[in-house]
Amino acid sequence: MTKLNITVLLTSLMLISCSTSSIESKILDSSSKDTTTTVPSTPQSAVDRHNEIRAEVFSGSTVVWNETLASTAQEYANYLASNGKFEHDYGSGYGENLYASSNESTYVDAINSWYGEKSNYNYSNNSCATNTMCGHYTQIIWKNSTEIGCGQATYTTGNYKGGTVTVCRYNPAGNYVGEKPY
């Protein structure tokens, strides 16, 4: 099985284990920043927040903004919002984190939600705690993923109508089965 197939399988399993309430919730722990109203969705805010989180666990590998990734992420966010969907794009070839909120949100809100999975991740055995998710967090800290691009759109239909969908893409993709993120 190729790394891409394994990543798709892992991402599929993570998505299946999501519940609507966990997707909509904004998880903020004591070390994350609640910047809901103070940090707009800018490329720099997304890069900065990713790099802050990555610096907690290793040094020497930061992410930079990639316009191609951002463009594909924006196109996919537009697709999801216009169709009322919330599902991964398994054919993109990139790593991908998704976030949906029933209200307006920022890149940092989405990233903080994914960061909330940190407490579910056990580095020593490279696994998530039972019945929890941690793959969004491990994609953020995947050391070999050095480029990101994000996009957002407002849902025009479906269960999240009026809410925000955020798509962040990562290159190279991470979350390979059996490999640690750093």
Protein backbone atom coordinates (compact mmCIF):
# COMPACT_ATOMS: atom_id res chain seq x y z
CA MET A 1 0.00 0.00 0.00
CA THR A 2 1.43 3.41 -0.93
CA LYS A 3 1.88 6.25 1.53
CA LEU A 4 -0.94 8.17 -0.20
CA ASN A 5 -3.33 5.24 0.18
CA ILE A 6 -2.39 4.83 3.82
CA THR A 7 -2.89 8.55 4.43
CA VAL A 8 -6.29 8.44 2.76
CA LEU A 9 -7.27 5.40 4.84
CA LEU A 10 -6.10 7.06 8.06
CA THR A 11 -7.88 10.30 7.19
CA SER A 12 -11.03 8.33 6.37
CA LEU A 13 -10.92 6.61 9.73
CA MET A 14 -10.41 9.93 11.50
CA LEU A 15 -13.32 11.51 9.65
CA ILE A 16 -15.61 8.58 10.42
CA SER A 17 -14.87 8.95 14.12
CA CYS A 18 -15.82 12.65 14.10
CA SER A 19 -19.10 13.59 15.67
CA THR A 20 -20.96 16.72 14.66
CA SER A 21 -20.55 18.17 18.12
CA SER A 22 -16.77 17.72 18.07
CA ILE A 23 -16.55 19.29 14.62
CA GLU A 24 -18.49 22.36 15.72
CA SER A 25 -16.85 22.84 19.08
CA LYS A 26 -13.98 25.20 19.59
CA ILE A 27 -11.50 23.49 21.85
CA LEU A 28 -9.17 25.83 23.65
CA ASP A 29 -6.81 24.68 26.36
CA SER A 30 -4.74 26.79 28.69
CA SER A 31 -1.79 27.03 26.31
CA SER A 32 -3.77 28.06 23.24
CA LYS A 33 -4.91 31.56 22.46
CA ASP A 34 -8.56 32.57 22.17
CA THR A 35 -8.20 35.03 19.36
CA THR A 36 -11.69 34.75 17.94
CA THR A 37 -12.29 38.48 17.69
CA THR A 38 -8.74 39.83 17.54
CA VAL A 39 -6.98 37.91 14.76
CA PRO A 40 -8.47 38.07 11.27
CA SER A 41 -8.04 35.19 8.83
CA THR A 42 -4.79 36.14 7.19
CA PRO A 43 -2.09 33.92 5.75
CA GLN A 44 0.34 35.24 8.37
CA SER A 45 -2.01 34.43 11.27
CA ALA A 46 -2.29 30.83 10.02
CA VAL A 47 1.47 30.48 9.55
CA ASP A 48 2.24 32.05 12.94
CA ARG A 49 -0.19 29.83 14.85
CA HIS A 50 1.08 26.67 13.14
CA ASN A 51 4.67 27.62 13.93
CA GLU A 52 3.85 28.43 17.58
CA ILE A 53 2.35 24.95 17.99
CA ARG A 54 5.21 23.23 16.16
CA ALA A 55 7.80 25.06 18.31
CA GLU A 56 6.31 23.42 21.40
CA VAL A 57 7.54 19.99 20.27
CA PHE A 58 10.56 20.53 18.00
CA SER A 59 12.70 23.18 16.35
CA GLY A 60 14.18 23.60 12.92
CA SER A 61 11.09 23.04 10.79
CA THR A 62 8.61 25.82 10.27
CA VAL A 63 5.82 26.17 7.75
CA VAL A 64 5.49 28.85 5.10
CA TRP A 65 2.45 29.98 3.14
CA ASN A 66 2.05 28.50 -0.33
CA GLU A 67 -0.31 30.30 -2.73
CA THR A 68 -1.01 27.15 -4.77
CA LEU A 69 -2.11 25.30 -1.64
CA ALA A 70 -4.17 28.30 -0.57
CA SER A 71 -5.85 28.47 -3.96
CA THR A 72 -6.80 24.78 -3.94
CA ALA A 73 -7.95 25.05 -0.31
CA GLN A 74 -10.12 28.06 -1.17
CA GLU A 75 -11.65 26.28 -4.17
CA TYR A 76 -12.49 23.29 -2.00
CA ALA A 77 -13.90 25.46 0.80
CA ASN A 78 -16.13 27.17 -1.79
CA TYR A 79 -17.28 23.77 -3.05
CA LEU A 80 -18.12 22.54 0.47
CA ALA A 81 -19.95 25.74 1.41
CA SER A 82 -22.03 25.87 -1.77
CA ASN A 83 -23.05 22.21 -1.42
CA GLY A 84 -23.55 22.09 2.36
CA LYS A 85 -20.95 19.33 2.70
CA PHE A 86 -18.24 18.53 5.19
CA GLU A 87 -15.93 15.87 3.78
CA HIS A 88 -12.28 15.46 2.88
CA ASP A 89 -10.98 15.79 -0.66
CA TYR A 90 -9.06 12.54 -0.91
CA GLY A 91 -7.83 13.24 -4.41
CA SER A 92 -5.95 16.47 -3.69
CA GLY A 93 -2.59 14.82 -2.98
CA TYR A 94 -2.08 17.11 0.03
CA GLY A 95 -2.58 16.73 3.75
CA GLU A 96 -5.81 18.36 4.82
CA ASN A 97 -7.53 19.58 7.97
CA LEU A 98 -11.17 20.67 7.91
CA TYR A 99 -13.15 22.74 10.40
CA ALA A 100 -16.79 23.79 10.37
CA SER A 101 -18.42 26.28 12.68
CA SER A 102 -22.04 27.31 12.91
CA ASN A 103 -20.90 30.93 13.08
CA GLU A 104 -18.15 33.12 11.64
CA SER A 105 -14.67 31.90 12.51
CA THR A 106 -11.03 32.59 11.65
CA TYR A 107 -8.08 30.46 10.63
CA VAL A 108 -6.81 30.70 14.19
CA ASP A 109 -10.15 29.44 15.55
CA ALA A 110 -9.84 26.38 13.30
CA ILE A 111 -6.19 25.80 14.17
CA ASN A 112 -6.92 26.12 17.89
CA SER A 113 -9.65 23.51 17.56
CA TRP A 114 -7.23 21.08 15.91
CA TYR A 115 -4.63 21.97 18.53
CA GLY A 116 -7.14 20.91 21.17
CA GLU A 117 -6.45 17.31 20.14
CA LYS A 118 -2.93 17.56 21.58
CA SER A 119 -4.01 16.01 24.88
CA ASN A 120 -5.32 12.98 22.96
CA TYR A 121 -1.95 12.22 21.35
CA ASN A 122 0.61 9.89 22.92
CA TYR A 123 3.97 10.43 21.23
CA SER A 124 5.71 7.45 22.86
CA ASN A 125 3.34 4.94 21.27
CA ASN A 126 2.31 7.22 18.38
CA SER A 127 -1.41 6.85 18.96
CA CYS A 128 -4.57 8.66 19.94
CA ALA A 129 -6.32 7.96 23.23
CA THR A 130 -9.19 5.49 22.88
CA ASN A 131 -12.27 6.94 21.18
CA THR A 132 -10.60 10.29 20.50
CA MET A 133 -9.08 12.08 17.57
CA CYS A 134 -5.57 13.46 17.22
CA GLY A 135 -4.85 13.38 13.48
CA HIS A 136 -5.58 17.06 12.96
CA TYR A 137 -3.02 17.89 15.64
CA THR A 138 -0.41 15.49 14.25
CA GLN A 139 -0.83 17.01 10.77
CA ILE A 140 -0.07 20.45 12.26
CA ILE A 141 3.12 19.12 13.87
CA TRP A 142 4.17 16.84 10.99
CA LYS A 143 7.78 17.96 10.69
CA ASN A 144 8.16 17.21 6.99
CA SER A 145 5.06 19.25 6.10
CA THR A 146 6.65 22.64 5.47
CA GLU A 147 4.07 24.45 3.34
CA ILE A 148 0.48 25.35 4.16
CA GLY A 149 -2.38 27.12 2.46
CA CYS A 150 -5.86 27.72 3.84
CA GLY A 151 -9.20 28.89 2.56
CA GLN A 152 -12.57 29.74 4.10
CA ALA A 153 -16.11 30.11 2.86
CA THR A 154 -19.55 30.73 4.32
CA TYR A 155 -22.06 27.92 3.98
CA THR A 156 -25.01 28.91 1.80
CA THR A 157 -26.98 25.70 2.39
CA GLY A 158 -27.15 22.66 4.64
CA ASN A 159 -26.76 22.16 8.37
CA TYR A 160 -24.05 24.81 8.67
CA LYS A 161 -25.84 27.50 6.61
CA GLY A 162 -24.42 30.88 7.64
CA GLY A 163 -21.43 29.22 9.30
CA THR A 164 -17.83 28.94 8.19
CA VAL A 165 -15.87 26.08 6.68
CA THR A 166 -12.08 26.21 6.89
CA VAL A 167 -9.77 24.06 4.78
CA CYS A 168 -6.02 23.98 5.41
CA ARG A 169 -3.77 21.97 3.14
CA TYR A 170 -0.27 20.70 3.88
CA ASN A 171 2.65 19.83 1.62
CA PRO A 172 4.06 17.30 1.78
CA ALA A 173 1.18 15.45 3.40
CA GLY A 174 1.63 13.87 6.82
CA ASN A 175 -0.01 11.25 9.02
CA TYR A 176 1.59 8.17 7.53
CA VAL A 177 0.67 5.00 9.40
CA GLY A 178 3.53 3.79 11.58
CA GLU A 179 5.48 7.07 11.32
CA LYS A 180 5.83 9.61 14.09
CA PRO A 181 5.22 13.25 13.21
CA TYR A 182 8.74 14.36 14.23
